[in-house]
Amino acid sequence: PIEVKDGAIYQIGTLNQFHPIFQDLTNEFEGPSAICGFFACAHAVLLDDYLSGKGGNLDATNIQQMCDIVTDIDKVAPCLRRAFAEIQDARIAQAVGSASTLAR
C-alpha cells in the first residue's frame, strides 16, 4: 500500500515495457522497441474510466486501486493493443496523405 500525502507527487513502477511479452505487439504493429508512449495512452484510458465514476473525490484507497489497475497485465494489455492499433492507423493515414501531397 502507498502512503499518500496531499499535494505530493509519486512515481510508481508499472509494467516493464521491455518485457518479451510485449514483443509480439511491437512486431505486429511495427512499433518501436521502447513503448512507454503506448503505455501512457493505455494508462490514460484506464485511469479515465476509473476516475470518471469518482467525481473528483479521491482518498488513499483510490490511489492504491489506480496503482493496481496500471500494474494489472489483464487490464493493461487490451488498452495497449488499442493504442498500438490506433497509432499505427494514424501513421498510415499520415503517410498516405503525405504521399498524395508529394504526387501533386
N, C-alpha and C. Protein backbone atom coordinates (compact mmCIF):
# COMPACT_ATOMS: atom_id res chain seq x y z
N PRO A 1 0.83 -1.20 0.00
CA PRO A 1 0.00 0.00 0.00
C PRO A 1 0.87 1.26 0.00
N ILE A 2 0.40 2.26 -0.69
CA ILE A 2 1.12 3.51 -0.80
C ILE A 2 0.64 4.46 0.28
N GLU A 3 1.59 5.06 0.98
CA GLU A 3 1.27 6.10 1.96
C GLU A 3 1.22 7.41 1.19
N VAL A 4 0.05 8.01 1.07
CA VAL A 4 -0.09 9.24 0.29
C VAL A 4 -0.23 10.46 1.19
N LYS A 5 0.29 11.57 0.69
CA LYS A 5 0.16 12.86 1.37
C LYS A 5 -0.41 13.84 0.37
N ASP A 6 -1.32 14.70 0.82
CA ASP A 6 -1.91 15.70 -0.06
C ASP A 6 -0.82 16.55 -0.70
N GLY A 7 -0.96 16.77 -2.00
CA GLY A 7 -0.04 17.63 -2.73
C GLY A 7 1.27 17.00 -3.13
N ALA A 8 1.51 15.77 -2.73
CA ALA A 8 2.77 15.09 -3.07
C ALA A 8 2.65 14.42 -4.43
N ILE A 9 3.78 14.32 -5.12
CA ILE A 9 3.84 13.62 -6.41
C ILE A 9 4.62 12.34 -6.19
N TYR A 10 4.08 11.25 -6.71
CA TYR A 10 4.71 9.94 -6.53
C TYR A 10 4.99 9.30 -7.88
N GLN A 11 6.00 8.50 -7.90
CA GLN A 11 6.31 7.71 -9.09
C GLN A 11 6.19 6.25 -8.69
N ILE A 12 5.49 5.48 -9.51
CA ILE A 12 5.38 4.05 -9.23
C ILE A 12 5.86 3.26 -10.44
N GLY A 13 6.36 2.09 -10.19
CA GLY A 13 6.71 1.19 -11.28
C GLY A 13 5.45 0.46 -11.72
N THR A 14 5.25 0.33 -13.02
CA THR A 14 4.06 -0.38 -13.50
C THR A 14 4.51 -1.68 -14.16
N LEU A 15 4.43 -1.78 -15.46
CA LEU A 15 4.86 -2.98 -16.17
C LEU A 15 6.12 -2.66 -16.96
N ASN A 16 6.99 -3.62 -17.11
CA ASN A 16 8.26 -3.44 -17.81
C ASN A 16 8.01 -3.40 -19.32
N GLN A 17 8.19 -2.23 -19.91
CA GLN A 17 7.93 -2.07 -21.34
C GLN A 17 8.84 -2.92 -22.21
N PHE A 18 9.95 -3.38 -21.67
CA PHE A 18 10.90 -4.18 -22.44
C PHE A 18 10.73 -5.68 -22.23
N HIS A 19 9.71 -6.08 -21.46
CA HIS A 19 9.47 -7.50 -21.22
C HIS A 19 9.12 -8.18 -22.54
N PRO A 20 9.62 -9.40 -22.76
CA PRO A 20 9.35 -10.11 -24.02
C PRO A 20 7.87 -10.31 -24.34
N ILE A 21 7.01 -10.26 -23.34
CA ILE A 21 5.57 -10.45 -23.58
C ILE A 21 5.01 -9.40 -24.53
N PHE A 22 5.66 -8.23 -24.60
CA PHE A 22 5.16 -7.16 -25.45
C PHE A 22 5.79 -7.16 -26.84
N GLN A 23 6.72 -8.06 -27.08
CA GLN A 23 7.42 -8.11 -28.37
C GLN A 23 6.47 -8.40 -29.53
N ASP A 24 5.49 -9.26 -29.31
CA ASP A 24 4.53 -9.58 -30.38
C ASP A 24 3.76 -8.33 -30.84
N LEU A 25 3.36 -7.49 -29.88
CA LEU A 25 2.67 -6.25 -30.24
C LEU A 25 3.58 -5.34 -31.06
N THR A 26 4.81 -5.21 -30.59
CA THR A 26 5.78 -4.37 -31.30
C THR A 26 5.98 -4.87 -32.72
N ASN A 27 6.09 -6.17 -32.89
CA ASN A 27 6.27 -6.74 -34.22
C ASN A 27 5.03 -6.58 -35.09
N GLU A 28 3.88 -6.91 -34.52
CA GLU A 28 2.63 -6.86 -35.28
C GLU A 28 2.32 -5.46 -35.80
N PHE A 29 2.56 -4.46 -34.97
CA PHE A 29 2.21 -3.09 -35.33
C PHE A 29 3.41 -2.26 -35.76
N GLU A 30 4.54 -2.93 -35.97
CA GLU A 30 5.77 -2.26 -36.40
C GLU A 30 6.11 -1.08 -35.50
N GLY A 31 6.01 -1.33 -34.20
CA GLY A 31 6.26 -0.29 -33.22
C GLY A 31 7.72 -0.22 -32.81
N PRO A 32 8.05 0.79 -32.04
CA PRO A 32 9.43 0.94 -31.57
C PRO A 32 9.73 -0.06 -30.45
N SER A 33 11.00 -0.20 -30.13
CA SER A 33 11.37 -1.12 -29.04
C SER A 33 11.02 -0.54 -27.67
N ALA A 34 11.05 0.78 -27.54
CA ALA A 34 10.64 1.44 -26.30
C ALA A 34 9.19 1.88 -26.48
N ILE A 35 8.29 1.36 -25.66
CA ILE A 35 6.86 1.59 -25.88
C ILE A 35 6.21 2.37 -24.73
N CYS A 36 6.99 3.21 -24.08
CA CYS A 36 6.47 3.97 -22.94
C CYS A 36 5.30 4.87 -23.35
N GLY A 37 5.35 5.44 -24.54
CA GLY A 37 4.25 6.29 -25.00
C GLY A 37 2.95 5.52 -25.18
N PHE A 38 3.07 4.28 -25.63
CA PHE A 38 1.89 3.42 -25.78
C PHE A 38 1.31 3.09 -24.41
N PHE A 39 2.20 2.86 -23.44
CA PHE A 39 1.75 2.63 -22.07
C PHE A 39 1.05 3.86 -21.52
N ALA A 40 1.58 5.04 -21.81
CA ALA A 40 0.96 6.28 -21.32
C ALA A 40 -0.47 6.39 -21.85
N CYS A 41 -0.67 6.06 -23.12
CA CYS A 41 -2.02 6.09 -23.70
C CYS A 41 -2.93 5.07 -23.02
N ALA A 42 -2.44 3.86 -22.85
CA ALA A 42 -3.24 2.80 -22.21
C ALA A 42 -3.59 3.18 -20.78
N HIS A 43 -2.62 3.68 -20.04
CA HIS A 43 -2.87 4.07 -18.66
C HIS A 43 -3.88 5.22 -18.59
N ALA A 44 -3.77 6.18 -19.50
CA ALA A 44 -4.70 7.31 -19.50
C ALA A 44 -6.14 6.83 -19.71
N VAL A 45 -6.34 5.90 -20.62
CA VAL A 45 -7.68 5.36 -20.88
C VAL A 45 -8.20 4.63 -19.64
N LEU A 46 -7.37 3.77 -19.07
CA LEU A 46 -7.80 3.01 -17.89
C LEU A 46 -8.12 3.92 -16.71
N LEU A 47 -7.26 4.90 -16.47
CA LEU A 47 -7.49 5.78 -15.33
C LEU A 47 -8.67 6.72 -15.57
N ASP A 48 -8.88 7.13 -16.82
CA ASP A 48 -10.06 7.94 -17.13
C ASP A 48 -11.33 7.15 -16.84
N ASP A 49 -11.35 5.89 -17.25
CA ASP A 49 -12.51 5.04 -16.97
C ASP A 49 -12.75 4.94 -15.46
N TYR A 50 -11.68 4.76 -14.71
CA TYR A 50 -11.80 4.62 -13.26
C TYR A 50 -12.25 5.94 -12.62
N LEU A 51 -11.58 7.02 -13.00
CA LEU A 51 -11.84 8.31 -12.35
C LEU A 51 -13.17 8.93 -12.73
N SER A 52 -13.70 8.57 -13.88
CA SER A 52 -14.96 9.18 -14.32
C SER A 52 -16.11 8.89 -13.35
N GLY A 53 -16.00 7.82 -12.61
CA GLY A 53 -17.04 7.49 -11.64
C GLY A 53 -16.78 8.00 -10.23
N LYS A 54 -15.67 8.70 -10.04
CA LYS A 54 -15.30 9.12 -8.68
C LYS A 54 -15.68 10.56 -8.35
N GLY A 55 -16.03 11.35 -9.32
CA GLY A 55 -16.44 12.72 -9.05
C GLY A 55 -15.36 13.58 -8.43
N GLY A 56 -14.11 13.24 -8.61
CA GLY A 56 -13.01 14.05 -8.09
C GLY A 56 -12.68 13.81 -6.63
N ASN A 57 -13.40 12.93 -5.97
CA ASN A 57 -13.16 12.66 -4.56
C ASN A 57 -12.29 11.42 -4.42
N LEU A 58 -11.02 11.63 -4.15
CA LEU A 58 -10.08 10.52 -4.04
C LEU A 58 -9.50 10.44 -2.64
N ASP A 59 -9.21 9.22 -2.22
CA ASP A 59 -8.51 9.01 -0.96
C ASP A 59 -7.43 7.96 -1.19
N ALA A 60 -6.76 7.56 -0.14
CA ALA A 60 -5.64 6.62 -0.26
C ALA A 60 -6.08 5.30 -0.88
N THR A 61 -7.28 4.87 -0.59
CA THR A 61 -7.79 3.62 -1.17
C THR A 61 -7.89 3.74 -2.69
N ASN A 62 -8.39 4.88 -3.16
CA ASN A 62 -8.49 5.10 -4.60
C ASN A 62 -7.12 5.11 -5.26
N ILE A 63 -6.15 5.71 -4.60
CA ILE A 63 -4.79 5.77 -5.15
C ILE A 63 -4.25 4.35 -5.29
N GLN A 64 -4.45 3.52 -4.28
CA GLN A 64 -3.99 2.14 -4.36
C GLN A 64 -4.71 1.39 -5.48
N GLN A 65 -6.01 1.63 -5.63
CA GLN A 65 -6.76 0.97 -6.70
C GLN A 65 -6.24 1.39 -8.08
N MET A 66 -5.90 2.67 -8.23
CA MET A 66 -5.35 3.13 -9.51
C MET A 66 -4.00 2.47 -9.79
N CYS A 67 -3.18 2.33 -8.77
CA CYS A 67 -1.90 1.63 -8.93
C CYS A 67 -2.13 0.18 -9.32
N ASP A 68 -3.12 -0.44 -8.71
CA ASP A 68 -3.45 -1.83 -9.04
C ASP A 68 -3.90 -1.96 -10.50
N ILE A 69 -4.65 -1.00 -10.98
CA ILE A 69 -5.14 -1.03 -12.36
C ILE A 69 -3.99 -0.98 -13.35
N VAL A 70 -3.06 -0.04 -13.17
CA VAL A 70 -1.99 0.15 -14.16
C VAL A 70 -0.87 -0.89 -14.02
N THR A 71 -0.97 -1.76 -13.04
CA THR A 71 0.00 -2.85 -12.92
C THR A 71 -0.63 -4.22 -13.22
N ASP A 72 -1.87 -4.22 -13.65
CA ASP A 72 -2.59 -5.45 -13.96
C ASP A 72 -2.50 -5.73 -15.46
N ILE A 73 -1.70 -6.70 -15.85
CA ILE A 73 -1.49 -7.00 -17.26
C ILE A 73 -2.79 -7.32 -17.98
N ASP A 74 -3.74 -7.96 -17.29
CA ASP A 74 -5.02 -8.31 -17.92
C ASP A 74 -5.87 -7.07 -18.23
N LYS A 75 -5.67 -6.00 -17.49
CA LYS A 75 -6.37 -4.75 -17.77
C LYS A 75 -5.60 -3.90 -18.78
N VAL A 76 -4.28 -3.87 -18.65
CA VAL A 76 -3.45 -3.01 -19.49
C VAL A 76 -3.33 -3.54 -20.92
N ALA A 77 -3.19 -4.85 -21.08
CA ALA A 77 -2.91 -5.42 -22.40
C ALA A 77 -3.93 -5.03 -23.48
N PRO A 78 -5.24 -5.12 -23.22
CA PRO A 78 -6.19 -4.72 -24.27
C PRO A 78 -6.09 -3.23 -24.64
N CYS A 79 -5.86 -2.39 -23.65
CA CYS A 79 -5.72 -0.96 -23.93
C CYS A 79 -4.41 -0.67 -24.65
N LEU A 80 -3.39 -1.43 -24.33
CA LEU A 80 -2.10 -1.28 -25.01
C LEU A 80 -2.25 -1.68 -26.48
N ARG A 81 -2.94 -2.77 -26.74
CA ARG A 81 -3.19 -3.21 -28.12
C ARG A 81 -3.96 -2.13 -28.88
N ARG A 82 -4.96 -1.55 -28.24
CA ARG A 82 -5.74 -0.49 -28.88
C ARG A 82 -4.87 0.72 -29.20
N ALA A 83 -3.98 1.07 -28.28
CA ALA A 83 -3.08 2.20 -28.53
C ALA A 83 -2.18 1.90 -29.72
N PHE A 84 -1.62 0.70 -29.77
CA PHE A 84 -0.78 0.32 -30.91
C PHE A 84 -1.57 0.42 -32.22
N ALA A 85 -2.79 -0.11 -32.24
CA ALA A 85 -3.60 -0.12 -33.46
C ALA A 85 -3.94 1.29 -33.90
N GLU A 86 -4.38 2.13 -32.97
CA GLU A 86 -4.77 3.49 -33.33
C GLU A 86 -3.58 4.32 -33.79
N ILE A 87 -2.45 4.14 -33.14
CA ILE A 87 -1.25 4.89 -33.55
C ILE A 87 -0.77 4.41 -34.91
N GLN A 88 -0.82 3.11 -35.15
CA GLN A 88 -0.42 2.61 -36.47
C GLN A 88 -1.35 3.14 -37.55
N ASP A 89 -2.66 3.15 -37.29
CA ASP A 89 -3.62 3.69 -38.26
C ASP A 89 -3.33 5.16 -38.56
N ALA A 90 -3.01 5.92 -37.52
CA ALA A 90 -2.69 7.34 -37.72
C ALA A 90 -1.41 7.52 -38.52
N ARG A 91 -0.41 6.68 -38.27
CA ARG A 91 0.84 6.75 -39.04
C ARG A 91 0.59 6.43 -40.51
N ILE A 92 -0.22 5.42 -40.77
CA ILE A 92 -0.53 5.04 -42.16
C ILE A 92 -1.29 6.18 -42.85
N ALA A 93 -2.28 6.73 -42.18
CA ALA A 93 -3.05 7.84 -42.76
C ALA A 93 -2.14 9.03 -43.05
N GLN A 94 -1.23 9.31 -42.16
CA GLN A 94 -0.28 10.42 -42.36
C GLN A 94 0.62 10.14 -43.56
N ALA A 95 1.11 8.92 -43.67
CA ALA A 95 1.99 8.56 -44.78
C ALA A 95 1.25 8.64 -46.11
N VAL A 96 0.01 8.17 -46.15
CA VAL A 96 -0.79 8.22 -47.38
C VAL A 96 -1.06 9.68 -47.75
N GLY A 97 -1.40 10.48 -46.76
CA GLY A 97 -1.65 11.90 -47.01
C GLY A 97 -0.41 12.62 -47.52
N SER A 98 0.73 12.31 -46.93
CA SER A 98 1.99 12.91 -47.37
C SER A 98 2.34 12.48 -48.78
N ALA A 99 2.11 11.21 -49.10
CA ALA A 99 2.43 10.70 -50.43
C ALA A 99 1.56 11.36 -51.49
N SER A 100 0.27 11.55 -51.18
CA SER A 100 -0.61 12.18 -52.16
C SER A 100 -0.28 13.66 -52.34
N THR A 101 0.19 14.30 -51.30
CA THR A 101 0.61 15.70 -51.41
C THR A 101 1.85 15.81 -52.28
N LEU A 102 2.78 14.89 -52.12
CA LEU A 102 4.01 14.90 -52.91
C LEU A 102 3.75 14.58 -54.38
N ALA A 103 2.70 13.80 -54.65
CA ALA A 103 2.39 13.39 -56.02
C ALA A 103 1.79 14.53 -56.85
N ARG A 104 1.36 15.57 -56.22
CA ARG A 104 0.74 16.70 -56.95
C ARG A 104 1.74 17.55 -57.64
